Protein backbone atom coordinates (compact mmCIF):
# COMPACT_ATOMS: atom_id res chain seq x y z
CA MET A 1 0.27 -0.03 0.42
CA ALA A 2 1.26 3.34 -0.68
CA GLY A 3 0.78 7.07 0.86
CA LYS A 4 -2.32 7.60 3.48
CA ARG A 5 -5.31 6.45 2.91
CA ILE A 6 -7.60 7.99 0.23
CA TYR A 7 -11.74 7.53 1.28
CA LEU A 8 -14.84 7.54 -0.62
CA ALA A 9 -15.98 10.27 1.57
CA SER A 10 -15.63 10.52 5.41
CA PRO A 11 -16.43 13.03 7.46
CA GLN A 12 -14.86 17.14 7.32
CA MET A 13 -15.34 19.70 10.09
CA LEU A 14 -14.83 22.79 8.88
CA GLY A 15 -16.32 25.38 11.66
CA LYS A 16 -18.18 25.38 14.70
CA GLU A 17 -18.92 21.69 15.51
CA ARG A 18 -16.44 21.81 18.99
CA GLU A 19 -17.46 25.01 20.12
CA TYR A 20 -21.40 23.74 19.91
CA VAL A 21 -20.66 20.14 21.69
CA LYS A 22 -18.77 21.89 24.13
CA GLU A 23 -21.39 24.05 24.44
CA ALA A 24 -23.43 20.72 25.38
CA PHE A 25 -21.88 19.83 27.73
CA ASP A 26 -21.30 22.90 29.52
CA SER A 27 -24.65 23.25 30.01
CA ASN A 28 -25.72 19.76 30.31
CA TRP A 29 -27.29 18.92 27.43
CA ILE A 30 -26.44 15.17 26.93
CA ALA A 31 -29.61 13.74 26.16
CA PRO A 32 -32.25 13.55 23.65
CA LEU A 33 -34.32 17.17 23.11
CA GLY A 34 -32.53 20.76 23.30
CA PRO A 35 -31.86 23.69 21.77
CA PHE A 36 -29.37 22.72 19.73
CA VAL A 37 -31.81 20.05 18.27
CA THR A 38 -34.63 23.12 17.97
CA LYS A 39 -31.79 24.47 16.28
CA LEU A 40 -31.26 22.26 13.73
CA GLU A 41 -35.22 21.89 13.42
CA ASP A 42 -35.18 26.10 12.36
CA GLU A 43 -32.24 25.96 10.61
CA PHE A 44 -34.03 23.31 7.75
CA LYS A 45 -37.25 24.71 8.06
CA LYS A 46 -35.66 27.94 6.75
CA TYR A 47 -33.56 26.90 4.84
CA MET A 48 -35.25 24.16 3.01
CA PRO A 49 -37.83 25.68 2.71
CA ILE A 50 -40.88 23.60 4.49
CA GLY A 51 -42.98 23.79 7.47
CA ASN A 52 -42.03 20.98 9.65
CA ALA A 53 -39.04 19.33 10.21
CA VAL A 54 -38.09 16.50 12.56
CA ALA A 55 -34.36 15.60 14.31
CA LEU A 56 -34.10 11.55 14.58
CA SER A 57 -32.05 9.06 15.34
CA ALA A 58 -31.46 8.27 11.28
CA GLY A 59 -33.00 8.65 8.48
CA THR A 60 -34.26 5.23 8.53
CA ALA A 61 -36.19 6.36 11.19
CA ALA A 62 -37.44 8.96 8.90
CA LEU A 63 -38.24 6.41 6.24
CA HIS A 64 -40.13 4.69 8.92
CA LEU A 65 -42.06 7.00 10.18
CA SER A 66 -43.29 8.46 6.72
CA ILE A 67 -44.01 4.89 5.85
CA LYS A 68 -46.20 5.11 9.32
CA LEU A 69 -47.25 8.18 8.43
CA ALA A 70 -49.18 7.33 5.05
CA GLY A 71 -51.19 4.05 6.88
CA VAL A 72 -48.56 0.97 5.40
CA LYS A 73 -50.30 -1.32 6.52
CA PRO A 74 -49.51 -5.66 5.96
CA GLY A 75 -50.17 -6.56 2.42
CA ASP A 76 -50.40 -3.07 1.60
CA VAL A 77 -47.87 -2.57 -1.89
CA VAL A 78 -45.50 0.48 -1.81
CA PHE A 79 -43.46 1.48 -5.13
CA CYS A 80 -39.81 1.53 -4.32
CA SER A 81 -37.11 3.04 -6.64
CA SER A 82 -34.82 -0.28 -6.83
CA LEU A 83 -31.36 1.63 -7.37
CA THR A 84 -30.84 2.62 -3.71
CA PHE A 85 -29.28 1.03 -0.57
CA SER A 86 -32.08 -1.07 1.47
CA ALA A 87 -32.64 1.09 4.26
CA SER A 88 -35.17 3.15 0.92
CA ALA A 89 -37.05 -0.61 1.46
CA ASN A 90 -36.25 -2.46 4.42
CA PRO A 91 -38.61 0.12 6.22
CA ILE A 92 -41.93 -1.25 3.62
CA ILE A 93 -41.34 -4.54 5.49
CA TYR A 94 -40.69 -3.02 9.08
CA GLU A 95 -44.60 -2.27 8.46
CA GLY A 96 -45.95 -5.67 6.90
CA GLY A 97 -45.96 -4.14 3.74
CA THR A 98 -45.10 -5.27 -0.20
CA PRO A 99 -42.29 -3.88 -1.47
CA VAL A 100 -42.33 -3.43 -5.98
CA PHE A 101 -39.70 -2.41 -7.07
CA ILE A 102 -39.01 0.96 -9.72
CA ASP A 103 -36.07 0.86 -12.97
CA SER A 104 -33.99 3.99 -13.36
CA GLU A 105 -34.34 5.87 -16.51
CA PRO A 106 -30.67 6.66 -18.19
CA ASP A 107 -29.87 10.11 -17.77
CA THR A 108 -30.05 10.20 -13.83
CA TYR A 109 -29.87 6.46 -12.60
CA ASN A 110 -33.37 7.69 -10.66
CA MET A 111 -36.63 6.30 -11.28
CA SER A 112 -38.15 6.40 -14.40
CA PRO A 113 -40.70 7.20 -15.26
CA VAL A 114 -41.87 4.51 -17.99
CA ALA A 115 -40.83 1.92 -15.17
CA LEU A 116 -43.51 3.89 -12.91
CA GLU A 117 -46.41 4.22 -15.41
CA LYS A 118 -46.22 0.10 -16.28
CA ALA A 119 -46.17 -0.57 -12.39
CA PHE A 120 -49.52 1.10 -11.82
CA ASN A 121 -50.93 -0.58 -14.99
CA GLU A 122 -50.62 -3.83 -12.44
CA TYR A 123 -51.01 -1.72 -9.19
CA PRO A 124 -53.26 0.82 -9.98
CA HIS A 125 -53.68 1.37 -5.85
CA PRO A 126 -50.33 1.13 -3.68
CA LYS A 127 -49.99 2.70 -0.71
CA ALA A 128 -46.86 5.39 -1.55
CA VAL A 129 -44.50 5.18 -3.71
CA ILE A 130 -40.19 6.45 -2.57
CA ILE A 131 -38.70 8.12 -4.78
CA VAL A 132 -35.17 7.90 -4.15
CA SER A 133 -33.08 11.06 -5.28
CA LEU A 134 -29.57 8.60 -5.38
CA TYR A 135 -26.01 10.23 -5.06
CA GLY A 136 -26.44 14.32 -5.27
CA MET A 137 -28.86 13.60 -8.37
CA PRO A 138 -32.56 14.94 -7.27
CA ALA A 139 -35.58 12.84 -9.67
CA ASP A 140 -36.75 14.15 -12.91
CA PHE A 141 -39.81 15.07 -10.87
CA ASP A 142 -41.08 16.59 -13.81
CA LYS A 143 -42.40 13.66 -14.94
CA LEU A 144 -42.33 11.19 -11.11
CA LEU A 145 -45.11 13.74 -10.41
CA PRO A 146 -47.86 14.01 -12.60
CA ILE A 147 -48.25 10.24 -12.94
CA CYS A 148 -48.82 9.75 -8.85
CA LYS A 149 -50.65 13.20 -8.76
CA LYS A 150 -53.16 11.07 -11.39
CA HIS A 151 -53.04 7.81 -8.82
CA LYS A 152 -53.45 9.97 -5.52
CA VAL A 153 -51.27 8.22 -4.08
CA THR A 154 -48.64 9.67 -1.02
CA ILE A 155 -45.13 10.62 -2.03
CA ILE A 156 -42.45 9.98 0.45
CA GLU A 157 -38.99 11.33 -1.12
CA ASP A 158 -35.88 10.12 0.00
CA ALA A 159 -33.64 12.53 -0.50
CA ALA A 160 -30.73 10.80 2.45
CA GLU A 161 -27.78 11.36 -0.16
CA SER A 162 -29.24 14.93 -2.28
CA LEU A 163 -29.63 17.85 0.71
CA GLY A 164 -28.68 20.40 -1.39
CA ALA A 165 -29.00 19.59 -4.79
CA THR A 166 -32.36 21.23 -6.23
CA TYR A 167 -34.89 21.16 -9.42
CA HIS A 168 -35.88 23.77 -10.75
CA GLY A 169 -34.14 25.29 -8.01
CA LYS A 170 -36.49 24.11 -5.85
CA HIS A 171 -34.93 21.47 -2.86
CA VAL A 172 -34.96 18.03 -2.98
CA GLY A 173 -36.34 16.76 0.20
CA THR A 174 -39.90 19.27 -0.24
CA PHE A 175 -41.03 17.34 -2.90
CA GLY A 176 -42.90 14.49 -1.69
CA LYS A 177 -45.81 14.90 1.38
CA TYR A 178 -43.12 13.40 3.99
CA ASN A 179 -39.24 13.40 2.89
CA ILE A 180 -36.13 12.19 4.83
CA ILE A 181 -32.36 13.68 5.10
CA SER A 182 -29.11 11.83 6.28
CA PHE A 183 -26.64 12.81 8.33
CA ASN A 184 -24.80 9.30 7.87
CA GLY A 185 -20.65 9.46 8.42
CA ASN A 186 -20.31 9.77 4.95
CA LYS A 187 -23.35 12.09 4.03
CA ILE A 188 -22.27 16.06 2.76
CA ILE A 189 -22.86 16.81 5.99
CA THR A 190 -23.23 15.08 9.90
CA THR A 191 -24.81 14.44 12.64
CA SER A 192 -22.19 11.54 13.17
CA GLY A 193 -25.57 9.23 12.63
CA GLY A 194 -28.31 11.17 11.98
CA GLY A 195 -31.87 11.85 10.07
CA MET A 196 -34.61 14.41 9.13
CA LEU A 197 -38.24 14.41 8.45
CA LEU A 198 -39.56 17.08 6.78
CA THR A 199 -43.16 17.67 5.82
CA ASP A 200 -45.70 20.31 5.30
CA ASP A 201 -48.72 18.57 8.05
CA ALA A 202 -48.22 20.41 10.64
CA GLU A 203 -49.85 17.05 13.07
CA ALA A 204 -47.91 14.67 11.44
CA ALA A 205 -45.03 16.54 11.62
CA GLU A 206 -46.52 16.26 15.47
CA HIS A 207 -47.26 12.32 15.15
CA ALA A 208 -44.59 11.33 13.57
CA LEU A 209 -42.72 12.90 16.81
CA LYS A 210 -45.21 11.71 19.32
CA TRP A 211 -44.17 7.60 17.73
CA ALA A 212 -39.82 8.67 18.18
CA THR A 213 -40.74 9.98 21.50
CA GLN A 214 -41.63 6.08 22.94
CA SER A 215 -45.19 7.52 21.87
CA ARG A 216 -45.63 8.93 25.10
CA GLU A 217 -49.27 10.61 25.81
CA PRO A 218 -49.33 13.83 27.14
CA ALA A 219 -49.79 13.03 31.36
CA ARG A 220 -48.17 13.49 34.83
CA HIS A 221 -47.15 8.89 34.60
CA TYR A 222 -45.87 7.54 31.90
CA GLU A 223 -49.39 6.44 29.51
CA HIS A 224 -49.47 4.83 25.89
CA LYS A 225 -51.48 4.06 23.34
CA GLU A 226 -50.01 3.59 20.79
CA ILE A 227 -46.16 1.51 20.49
CA GLY A 228 -43.43 4.48 20.16
CA TYR A 229 -39.83 4.01 19.09
CA ASN A 230 -37.17 5.42 20.62
CA TYR A 231 -35.71 7.95 17.60
CA ARG A 232 -35.05 11.63 19.00
CA MET A 233 -32.02 13.34 17.98
CA SER A 234 -29.68 13.79 20.96
CA ASN A 235 -28.95 17.19 21.61
CA VAL A 236 -24.86 16.33 21.19
CA CYS A 237 -25.26 15.07 17.78
CA ALA A 238 -27.64 18.32 16.85
CA ALA A 239 -24.72 20.26 18.61
CA ILE A 240 -22.20 18.56 15.66
CA GLY A 241 -24.94 19.26 12.97
CA CYS A 242 -25.16 22.74 13.70
CA GLY A 243 -21.65 22.88 12.90
CA GLN A 244 -21.62 21.15 10.49
CA PHE A 245 -25.31 23.24 8.71
CA GLU A 246 -22.78 26.47 8.55
CA ASN A 247 -20.46 24.89 5.17
CA LEU A 248 -23.45 23.06 3.69
CA GLU A 249 -23.11 25.07 0.65
CA ASP A 250 -19.19 25.37 0.85
CA LYS A 251 -18.69 21.45 1.20
CA VAL A 252 -21.41 21.40 -2.37
CA ARG A 253 -19.41 23.51 -3.52
CA MET A 254 -16.11 21.10 -3.41
CA LYS A 255 -17.64 17.96 -3.61
CA ARG A 256 -19.28 19.30 -7.67
CA GLU A 257 -15.22 20.34 -7.71
CA ILE A 258 -14.43 17.21 -7.01
CA PHE A 259 -17.17 15.93 -9.51
CA TYR A 260 -16.41 17.61 -12.28
CA ARG A 261 -12.78 17.65 -12.14
CA TYR A 262 -13.27 13.50 -13.34
CA VAL A 263 -15.28 14.93 -15.86
CA GLU A 264 -12.87 16.82 -17.53
CA ALA A 265 -10.09 14.58 -16.68
CA PHE A 266 -11.79 11.24 -18.88
CA ASP A 267 -13.18 13.64 -21.42
CA ASP A 268 -10.86 11.62 -23.73
CA ILE A 269 -11.07 8.43 -22.43
CA ASP A 270 -14.49 6.91 -25.37
CA GLU A 271 -15.48 3.98 -22.40
CA ILE A 272 -15.81 6.41 -19.41
CA GLN A 273 -19.58 8.90 -19.32
CA MET A 274 -19.35 11.35 -15.82
CA ILE A 275 -23.67 11.51 -14.66
CA THR A 276 -24.34 14.94 -15.16
CA GLU A 277 -27.12 16.95 -14.31
CA PRO A 278 -29.98 18.25 -16.85
CA ASP A 279 -30.54 21.65 -17.00
CA ARG A 280 -33.46 21.54 -14.16
CA MET A 281 -31.40 20.21 -12.06
CA LYS A 282 -28.21 21.46 -10.11
CA SER A 283 -26.61 17.95 -8.09
CA THR A 284 -24.76 18.05 -4.73
CA HIS A 285 -22.55 14.34 -6.69
CA TRP A 286 -22.66 13.32 -3.43
CA LEU A 287 -20.41 10.78 -5.11
CA SER A 288 -19.02 11.06 -7.93
CA VAL A 289 -20.01 8.83 -11.14
CA MET A 290 -18.83 6.26 -13.86
CA GLU A 291 -20.51 4.06 -15.51
CA LEU A 292 -18.07 2.76 -17.76
CA SER A 293 -19.96 1.21 -21.39
CA ASN A 294 -20.81 -2.43 -22.23
CA ASP A 295 -17.89 -2.56 -24.45
CA SER A 296 -14.99 -1.60 -21.75
CA LYS A 297 -12.05 -3.01 -21.55
CA VAL A 298 -11.31 -2.32 -17.67
CA LYS A 299 -14.31 -3.58 -15.71
CA PRO A 300 -14.74 -1.76 -12.93
CA VAL A 301 -13.32 -4.45 -10.54
CA ASP A 302 -10.66 -3.53 -12.44
CA ILE A 303 -10.74 0.34 -11.35
CA MET A 304 -11.82 -0.76 -7.71
CA ASP A 305 -8.81 -2.85 -7.61
CA ALA A 306 -5.72 -0.68 -9.18
CA LEU A 307 -7.23 2.31 -7.29
CA GLU A 308 -6.73 -0.11 -3.83
CA ALA A 309 -3.85 -1.61 -3.97
CA GLU A 310 -2.70 1.84 -3.66
CA ASN A 311 -4.28 3.54 -0.54
CA ILE A 312 -7.32 4.51 -1.87
CA GLU A 313 -11.21 3.47 -1.75
CA SER A 314 -14.02 3.61 -3.89
CA ARG A 315 -17.13 1.38 -4.47
CA PRO A 316 -19.28 -0.50 -6.81
CA ILE A 317 -22.69 1.96 -6.99
CA TRP A 318 -26.11 0.10 -5.14
CA LYS A 319 -26.67 -3.34 -6.33
CA PRO A 320 -29.98 -3.16 -7.10
CA MET A 321 -33.35 -3.88 -4.65
CA HIS A 322 -34.76 -6.20 -6.77
CA MET A 323 -31.83 -8.80 -7.37
CA GLN A 324 -30.76 -8.66 -3.56
CA PRO A 325 -31.44 -12.03 -2.18
CA VAL A 326 -33.60 -10.91 0.63
CA PHE A 327 -35.79 -9.58 -1.73
CA SER A 328 -35.98 -11.93 -4.04
CA GLU A 329 -39.53 -12.47 -3.92
CA CYS A 330 -40.28 -9.11 -4.83
CA GLU A 331 -41.96 -7.29 -8.79
CA PHE A 332 -39.79 -5.87 -10.00
CA PHE A 333 -40.80 -3.20 -13.27
CA ALA A 334 -38.16 -2.49 -15.97
CA HIS A 335 -37.26 0.30 -18.08
CA ASP A 336 -36.43 -1.64 -20.86
CA ASP A 337 -37.77 -4.91 -21.01
CA GLU A 338 -34.89 -6.49 -22.83
CA ARG A 339 -31.89 -5.35 -20.35
CA PRO A 340 -33.19 -3.89 -17.18
CA VAL A 341 -31.23 0.09 -16.43
CA ALA A 342 -30.78 -1.29 -13.58
CA GLU A 343 -28.79 -3.84 -14.13
CA ASP A 344 -26.70 -2.60 -16.67
CA ILE A 345 -25.71 0.61 -14.15
CA PHE A 346 -25.15 -2.27 -10.81
CA ALA A 347 -22.88 -4.17 -13.60
CA ASN A 348 -21.58 -1.05 -15.05
CA GLY A 349 -20.63 1.80 -12.47
CA VAL A 350 -18.16 2.68 -9.97
CA CYS A 351 -18.19 5.11 -6.93
CA LEU A 352 -14.93 7.13 -6.63
CA PRO A 353 -12.96 8.92 -4.49
CA SER A 354 -15.34 11.76 -3.46
CA ASP A 355 -13.76 12.88 -0.29
CA THR A 356 -14.09 16.98 0.49
CA ASN A 357 -10.69 16.26 2.76
CA MET A 358 -9.18 14.80 -1.15
CA THR A 359 -6.73 17.00 -2.02
CA GLU A 360 -6.84 18.31 -5.51
CA LYS A 361 -2.93 16.20 -6.20
CA GLU A 362 -4.67 13.38 -4.32
CA GLN A 363 -6.87 13.37 -6.73
CA GLU A 364 -4.91 13.95 -9.60
CA ARG A 365 -3.33 10.65 -8.09
CA VAL A 366 -6.21 8.63 -8.50
CA ILE A 367 -6.83 10.17 -12.06
CA ALA A 368 -3.58 9.35 -13.37
CA ILE A 369 -4.20 5.82 -12.33
CA ILE A 370 -7.66 5.56 -13.65
CA LYS A 371 -6.22 7.09 -17.49
CA GLY A 372 -2.77 4.20 -16.64
CA LEU A 373 -5.36 1.11 -16.81
CA PHE A 374 -6.75 3.04 -19.79
CA ALA A 375 -3.40 3.60 -21.67
């Protein structure tokens, strides 16, 4: 192995994170609830903008509560993007729902309107549709929302990977009835772990908050009429998040600069395609994604092995949910019946180092190693 480890995406502290955490300790606001939880929620409501924000222990917790708010019960069908991390689909199972997976479209890797229409033809009354905005790239809402509106279905937007991205200038994470953000350690900003549920429905937000705090009723004693969860974010984690949030736009700028250095570097290699955003979208490029042509002699594993030999982390594209053993019995609707788009992307894609701690010189090392494989 050679040189310092270059990571795919690691936390970066740029501002007042340490100061805010010290303030939380000094004031003894350590447990869930506290002024930094409120501050982080208020900042998100202003930034997005959106009516209500509930800070939680994970993006998965936010998805689970969104599924419950959508009224998913055992046997209910829920459509979900197939090309995503398993946390997008797992909460459907928590509530006894039946996932039906929807293929990607080639331009953004996100949910295909063509495949979504096919799914509605087969299942006209799903309980909800989970639309994922992947790797910082907005889904194509101009095409997806009218389809969902026509069928009067609840939209849950999984923007776990796409905080800071916009579609026609509107923030990703505000297009659904219920929307979620992740603050996992590798995300564009982090609270070490954590997530946020966003909605304009004040009653739903209040109910989610109740569920997240063990469904305790407003009584002097401990009274419970519903099953609850320990899903609230801690004040210490929120303190980190408040420090991170102050530098969100800088993080977005750095992620985009990393991506476009790759675009420029690989422009003369025909076998490489970098997923660039259409004009109506602004991607954060949380992860810089490379797709190789089907006839490329260099394969994703060659790139990942060559980078790992130099102590550089990269990753495959998400393995689609319909290909996962745990979901093998679930139905899948393809964009192209002859060759599903998500399967092609998985077979040919690589997530390149996208770490904002990476220097330009270190990125040049990454680029040189990859270009050497095509020489």
